């Protein structure tokens, strides 16, 4: 399975970006899709997830600012990021959760988001 993330870039604080993740197979094959991020010197963290049934969950740090959505027909998941802060600067990765509840062990290339103050 290949997951291709795109849409990152440089943005000023308060700005917005929309990340896209396209899967090489049907995302309906998975129990959930998620967006992770990893800032320099920090561990990778899950920031948003959407289940096969459309339920969403967010890390406290992004609640109210980020929105995850998906189009099953396009095998695509998006992360709309608004009111960006410098602390949102990180490499963002999408991942897929298998039916047994485990996230895929392989990671795609990710997309870099840099928020300037």
N, C-alpha and C. Protein backbone atom coordinates (compact mmCIF):
# COMPACT_ATOMS: atom_id res chain seq x y z
N UNK A 1 0.85 -1.19 0.00
CA UNK A 1 0.00 0.00 0.00
C UNK A 1 0.88 1.23 0.00
N UNK A 2 0.56 2.16 -0.87
CA UNK A 2 1.30 3.44 -0.89
C UNK A 2 0.37 4.57 -0.51
N UNK A 3 0.87 5.43 0.36
CA UNK A 3 0.13 6.61 0.79
C UNK A 3 0.95 7.84 0.43
N UNK A 4 0.43 8.66 -0.43
CA UNK A 4 1.16 9.83 -0.92
C UNK A 4 0.57 11.10 -0.33
N UNK A 5 1.35 11.75 0.52
CA UNK A 5 0.91 13.00 1.14
C UNK A 5 1.45 14.19 0.37
N UNK A 6 0.66 15.24 0.29
CA UNK A 6 1.09 16.46 -0.40
C UNK A 6 0.35 17.66 0.17
N UNK A 7 0.79 18.84 -0.24
CA UNK A 7 0.09 20.06 0.16
C UNK A 7 0.79 20.91 1.18
N UNK A 8 1.93 20.45 1.67
CA UNK A 8 2.65 21.23 2.66
C UNK A 8 3.29 22.47 2.05
N UNK A 9 3.83 23.31 2.92
CA UNK A 9 4.48 24.51 2.43
C UNK A 9 4.78 25.46 3.56
N UNK A 10 5.16 26.67 3.19
CA UNK A 10 5.47 27.71 4.16
C UNK A 10 4.28 28.66 4.26
N UNK A 11 3.85 28.92 5.48
CA UNK A 11 2.70 29.79 5.69
C UNK A 11 2.95 30.63 6.93
N UNK A 12 2.37 31.80 6.95
CA UNK A 12 2.49 32.65 8.14
C UNK A 12 1.52 32.20 9.21
N UNK A 13 1.85 32.50 10.43
CA UNK A 13 0.96 32.18 11.54
C UNK A 13 -0.41 32.79 11.29
N UNK A 14 -1.44 32.01 11.57
CA UNK A 14 -2.81 32.44 11.31
C UNK A 14 -3.33 32.00 9.96
N UNK A 15 -2.44 31.51 9.12
CA UNK A 15 -2.83 31.07 7.78
C UNK A 15 -3.40 29.67 7.75
N UNK A 16 -3.66 29.20 6.54
CA UNK A 16 -4.27 27.88 6.35
C UNK A 16 -3.53 27.08 5.29
N UNK A 17 -3.61 25.79 5.42
CA UNK A 17 -3.11 24.86 4.42
C UNK A 17 -4.05 23.66 4.37
N UNK A 18 -4.08 23.01 3.22
CA UNK A 18 -4.87 21.78 3.08
C UNK A 18 -3.96 20.69 2.57
N UNK A 19 -3.82 19.66 3.38
CA UNK A 19 -3.00 18.52 3.01
C UNK A 19 -3.88 17.44 2.38
N UNK A 20 -3.29 16.73 1.43
CA UNK A 20 -3.99 15.63 0.77
C UNK A 20 -3.19 14.34 0.92
N UNK A 21 -3.90 13.24 0.99
CA UNK A 21 -3.27 11.92 1.05
C UNK A 21 -4.06 11.00 0.14
N UNK A 22 -3.38 10.46 -0.85
CA UNK A 22 -4.03 9.54 -1.77
C UNK A 22 -3.45 8.14 -1.58
N UNK A 23 -4.34 7.17 -1.44
CA UNK A 23 -3.93 5.78 -1.23
C UNK A 23 -3.96 5.01 -2.55
N UNK A 24 -3.09 4.01 -2.62
CA UNK A 24 -3.01 3.21 -3.85
C UNK A 24 -4.10 2.15 -3.91
N UNK A 25 -4.78 1.93 -2.77
CA UNK A 25 -5.91 1.00 -2.75
C UNK A 25 -7.09 1.68 -2.05
N UNK A 26 -8.20 1.02 -2.03
CA UNK A 26 -9.39 1.60 -1.41
C UNK A 26 -9.18 1.88 0.07
N UNK A 27 -9.46 3.11 0.48
CA UNK A 27 -9.31 3.44 1.89
C UNK A 27 -10.40 2.78 2.73
N UNK A 28 -11.41 2.26 2.05
CA UNK A 28 -12.45 1.54 2.77
C UNK A 28 -11.95 0.19 3.25
N UNK A 29 -10.76 -0.19 2.82
CA UNK A 29 -10.14 -1.43 3.28
C UNK A 29 -9.66 -1.32 4.72
N UNK A 30 -9.52 -0.09 5.18
CA UNK A 30 -8.96 0.17 6.51
C UNK A 30 -10.02 0.59 7.50
N UNK A 31 -9.74 0.39 8.77
CA UNK A 31 -10.69 0.78 9.80
C UNK A 31 -10.66 2.28 10.04
N UNK A 32 -9.54 2.91 9.69
CA UNK A 32 -9.43 4.36 9.85
C UNK A 32 -8.25 4.88 9.05
N UNK A 33 -8.28 6.17 8.78
CA UNK A 33 -7.15 6.87 8.19
C UNK A 33 -6.77 7.99 9.14
N UNK A 34 -5.48 8.29 9.17
CA UNK A 34 -5.06 9.32 10.11
C UNK A 34 -3.92 10.18 9.58
N UNK A 35 -3.79 11.33 10.22
CA UNK A 35 -2.66 12.22 9.94
C UNK A 35 -1.79 12.29 11.19
N UNK A 36 -0.53 12.05 11.00
CA UNK A 36 0.47 12.17 12.05
C UNK A 36 1.39 13.36 11.71
N UNK A 37 2.10 13.82 12.71
CA UNK A 37 3.13 14.81 12.44
C UNK A 37 4.33 14.56 13.36
N UNK A 38 5.47 15.00 12.87
CA UNK A 38 6.69 14.87 13.66
C UNK A 38 7.49 16.15 13.53
N UNK A 39 7.63 16.83 14.64
CA UNK A 39 8.43 18.05 14.68
C UNK A 39 9.88 17.68 14.99
N UNK A 40 10.83 18.52 14.62
CA UNK A 40 12.24 18.22 14.89
C UNK A 40 12.47 17.95 16.37
N UNK A 41 13.11 16.83 16.66
CA UNK A 41 13.44 16.48 18.03
C UNK A 41 12.29 15.95 18.85
N UNK A 42 11.15 15.74 18.20
CA UNK A 42 9.98 15.25 18.94
C UNK A 42 9.49 13.94 18.35
N UNK A 43 8.70 13.23 19.13
CA UNK A 43 8.13 11.98 18.65
C UNK A 43 6.97 12.25 17.69
N UNK A 44 6.74 11.29 16.84
CA UNK A 44 5.63 11.40 15.93
C UNK A 44 4.33 11.28 16.73
N UNK A 45 3.35 12.12 16.40
CA UNK A 45 2.09 12.10 17.13
C UNK A 45 0.92 12.08 16.14
N UNK A 46 -0.15 11.44 16.59
CA UNK A 46 -1.37 11.40 15.80
C UNK A 46 -2.16 12.68 16.06
N UNK A 47 -2.48 13.41 15.01
CA UNK A 47 -3.20 14.67 15.20
C UNK A 47 -4.67 14.57 14.80
N UNK A 48 -5.00 13.69 13.88
CA UNK A 48 -6.40 13.57 13.45
C UNK A 48 -6.62 12.21 12.83
N UNK A 49 -7.82 11.68 13.03
CA UNK A 49 -8.16 10.39 12.44
C UNK A 49 -9.63 10.38 12.06
N UNK A 50 -9.93 9.60 11.05
CA UNK A 50 -11.32 9.44 10.63
C UNK A 50 -11.56 7.95 10.40
N UNK A 51 -12.61 7.43 11.00
CA UNK A 51 -12.88 6.01 10.88
C UNK A 51 -13.57 5.70 9.56
N UNK A 52 -13.69 4.44 9.31
CA UNK A 52 -14.36 3.98 8.10
C UNK A 52 -15.79 4.50 8.05
N UNK A 53 -16.37 4.73 9.23
CA UNK A 53 -17.76 5.16 9.32
C UNK A 53 -17.90 6.68 9.41
N UNK A 54 -16.77 7.36 9.35
CA UNK A 54 -16.83 8.82 9.32
C UNK A 54 -16.66 9.50 10.66
N UNK A 55 -16.44 8.74 11.72
CA UNK A 55 -16.20 9.36 13.03
C UNK A 55 -14.80 9.95 13.05
N UNK A 56 -14.68 11.11 13.66
CA UNK A 56 -13.39 11.79 13.68
C UNK A 56 -12.88 12.00 15.11
N UNK A 57 -11.59 12.13 15.23
CA UNK A 57 -10.96 12.41 16.51
C UNK A 57 -9.74 13.28 16.27
N UNK A 58 -9.45 14.14 17.24
CA UNK A 58 -8.35 15.09 17.08
C UNK A 58 -7.52 15.17 18.36
N UNK A 59 -6.25 15.48 18.17
CA UNK A 59 -5.42 15.79 19.32
C UNK A 59 -5.90 17.11 19.91
N UNK A 60 -5.76 17.26 21.20
CA UNK A 60 -6.22 18.47 21.87
C UNK A 60 -5.58 19.72 21.27
N UNK A 61 -4.34 19.58 20.84
CA UNK A 61 -3.60 20.74 20.35
C UNK A 61 -4.14 21.29 19.03
N UNK A 62 -4.94 20.51 18.32
CA UNK A 62 -5.45 20.97 17.02
C UNK A 62 -6.97 21.06 16.96
N UNK A 63 -7.63 20.68 18.03
CA UNK A 63 -9.09 20.72 18.04
C UNK A 63 -9.60 22.13 17.75
N UNK A 64 -10.59 22.21 16.89
CA UNK A 64 -11.16 23.50 16.54
C UNK A 64 -10.41 24.21 15.43
N UNK A 65 -9.23 23.72 15.06
CA UNK A 65 -8.43 24.35 14.01
C UNK A 65 -8.24 23.44 12.80
N UNK A 66 -8.13 22.15 13.04
CA UNK A 66 -7.90 21.19 11.96
C UNK A 66 -9.17 20.38 11.72
N UNK A 67 -9.39 20.01 10.47
CA UNK A 67 -10.51 19.17 10.10
C UNK A 67 -10.04 18.08 9.15
N UNK A 68 -10.35 16.84 9.50
CA UNK A 68 -10.02 15.72 8.63
C UNK A 68 -11.27 15.31 7.87
N UNK A 69 -11.10 14.97 6.61
CA UNK A 69 -12.22 14.52 5.80
C UNK A 69 -11.70 13.52 4.76
N UNK A 70 -12.62 12.84 4.10
CA UNK A 70 -12.16 11.85 3.12
C UNK A 70 -13.20 11.66 2.04
N UNK A 71 -12.74 11.20 0.90
CA UNK A 71 -13.60 10.84 -0.22
C UNK A 71 -13.24 9.41 -0.60
N UNK A 72 -14.10 8.50 -0.27
CA UNK A 72 -13.80 7.09 -0.53
C UNK A 72 -13.65 6.81 -2.02
N UNK A 73 -14.45 7.47 -2.84
CA UNK A 73 -14.39 7.23 -4.28
C UNK A 73 -13.04 7.64 -4.87
N UNK A 74 -12.40 8.62 -4.24
CA UNK A 74 -11.10 9.09 -4.71
C UNK A 74 -9.95 8.51 -3.91
N UNK A 75 -10.27 7.68 -2.91
CA UNK A 75 -9.23 7.11 -2.04
C UNK A 75 -8.33 8.20 -1.47
N UNK A 76 -8.94 9.30 -1.09
CA UNK A 76 -8.20 10.47 -0.64
C UNK A 76 -8.70 10.95 0.71
N UNK A 77 -7.75 11.37 1.51
CA UNK A 77 -8.03 11.94 2.82
C UNK A 77 -7.38 13.33 2.85
N UNK A 78 -8.09 14.28 3.42
CA UNK A 78 -7.57 15.64 3.52
C UNK A 78 -7.43 16.07 4.98
N UNK A 79 -6.55 17.01 5.19
CA UNK A 79 -6.44 17.65 6.50
C UNK A 79 -6.45 19.16 6.25
N UNK A 80 -7.55 19.78 6.60
CA UNK A 80 -7.67 21.22 6.49
C UNK A 80 -7.14 21.83 7.78
N UNK A 81 -6.13 22.68 7.65
CA UNK A 81 -5.49 23.26 8.82
C UNK A 81 -5.67 24.77 8.79
N UNK A 82 -6.37 25.27 9.76
CA UNK A 82 -6.63 26.71 9.87
C UNK A 82 -5.97 27.27 11.12
N UNK A 83 -5.86 28.57 11.17
CA UNK A 83 -5.27 29.26 12.33
C UNK A 83 -3.96 28.61 12.73
N UNK A 84 -3.11 28.40 11.76
CA UNK A 84 -1.86 27.71 12.01
C UNK A 84 -0.96 28.49 12.95
N UNK A 85 -0.21 27.74 13.75
CA UNK A 85 0.70 28.31 14.73
C UNK A 85 2.11 27.82 14.44
N UNK A 86 3.11 28.55 14.89
CA UNK A 86 4.49 28.08 14.67
C UNK A 86 4.72 26.66 15.22
N UNK A 87 4.04 26.33 16.30
CA UNK A 87 4.21 24.99 16.87
C UNK A 87 3.59 23.89 16.03
N UNK A 88 2.86 24.25 14.98
CA UNK A 88 2.35 23.25 14.05
C UNK A 88 3.41 22.84 13.02
N UNK A 89 4.53 23.52 13.03
CA UNK A 89 5.61 23.20 12.10
C UNK A 89 6.08 21.76 12.33
N UNK A 90 6.03 20.96 11.27
CA UNK A 90 6.39 19.55 11.37
C UNK A 90 6.29 18.91 9.99
N UNK A 91 6.80 17.70 9.91
CA UNK A 91 6.53 16.86 8.74
C UNK A 91 5.24 16.11 9.03
N UNK A 92 4.32 16.15 8.09
CA UNK A 92 3.02 15.52 8.26
C UNK A 92 2.94 14.27 7.39
N UNK A 93 2.43 13.21 7.99
CA UNK A 93 2.32 11.92 7.32
C UNK A 93 0.90 11.39 7.45
N UNK A 94 0.44 10.73 6.42
CA UNK A 94 -0.82 10.02 6.58
C UNK A 94 -0.52 8.53 6.77
N UNK A 95 -1.43 7.87 7.41
CA UNK A 95 -1.28 6.45 7.68
C UNK A 95 -2.65 5.81 7.71
N UNK A 96 -2.66 4.51 7.65
CA UNK A 96 -3.90 3.75 7.62
C UNK A 96 -3.92 2.75 8.75
N UNK A 97 -5.07 2.62 9.38
CA UNK A 97 -5.22 1.66 10.48
C UNK A 97 -5.89 0.40 9.94
N UNK A 98 -5.22 -0.71 10.20
CA UNK A 98 -5.73 -1.99 9.72
C UNK A 98 -6.99 -2.39 10.50
N UNK A 99 -7.64 -3.42 10.03
CA UNK A 99 -8.86 -3.89 10.70
C UNK A 99 -8.57 -4.41 12.11
N UNK A 100 -7.33 -4.83 12.36
CA UNK A 100 -7.01 -5.34 13.70
C UNK A 100 -6.63 -4.21 14.67
N UNK A 101 -6.73 -2.96 14.19
CA UNK A 101 -6.47 -1.83 15.06
C UNK A 101 -5.06 -1.30 15.04
N UNK A 102 -4.18 -1.94 14.33
CA UNK A 102 -2.80 -1.48 14.27
C UNK A 102 -2.59 -0.56 13.07
N UNK A 103 -1.77 0.49 13.28
CA UNK A 103 -1.42 1.39 12.20
C UNK A 103 -0.31 0.76 11.38
N UNK A 104 -0.32 1.07 10.10
CA UNK A 104 0.70 0.51 9.21
C UNK A 104 2.09 0.89 9.70
N UNK A 105 3.01 -0.04 9.58
CA UNK A 105 4.38 0.18 10.07
C UNK A 105 5.23 0.96 9.08
N UNK A 106 4.83 0.96 7.83
CA UNK A 106 5.61 1.70 6.83
C UNK A 106 5.01 3.09 6.67
N UNK A 107 5.91 4.06 6.44
CA UNK A 107 5.48 5.44 6.33
C UNK A 107 5.85 5.99 4.96
N UNK A 108 4.99 6.79 4.43
CA UNK A 108 5.29 7.47 3.18
C UNK A 108 6.26 8.61 3.41
N UNK A 109 6.46 9.40 2.38
CA UNK A 109 7.46 10.45 2.43
C UNK A 109 7.04 11.61 3.32
N UNK A 110 5.77 11.85 3.47
CA UNK A 110 5.32 12.97 4.28
C UNK A 110 5.40 14.28 3.52
N UNK A 111 4.83 15.30 4.13
CA UNK A 111 4.88 16.63 3.53
C UNK A 111 5.18 17.64 4.63
N UNK A 112 6.08 18.57 4.34
CA UNK A 112 6.58 19.48 5.36
C UNK A 112 5.71 20.73 5.45
N UNK A 113 5.32 21.06 6.66
CA UNK A 113 4.57 22.28 6.94
C UNK A 113 5.44 23.17 7.83
N UNK A 114 5.66 24.39 7.37
CA UNK A 114 6.45 25.34 8.15
C UNK A 114 5.60 26.59 8.38
N UNK A 115 5.41 26.92 9.64
CA UNK A 115 4.61 28.08 10.00
C UNK A 115 5.52 29.14 10.60
N UNK A 116 5.60 30.27 9.97
CA UNK A 116 6.46 31.35 10.45
C UNK A 116 5.68 32.30 11.35
N UNK A 117 6.39 32.85 12.31
CA UNK A 117 5.73 33.75 13.27
C UNK A 117 5.76 35.19 12.79
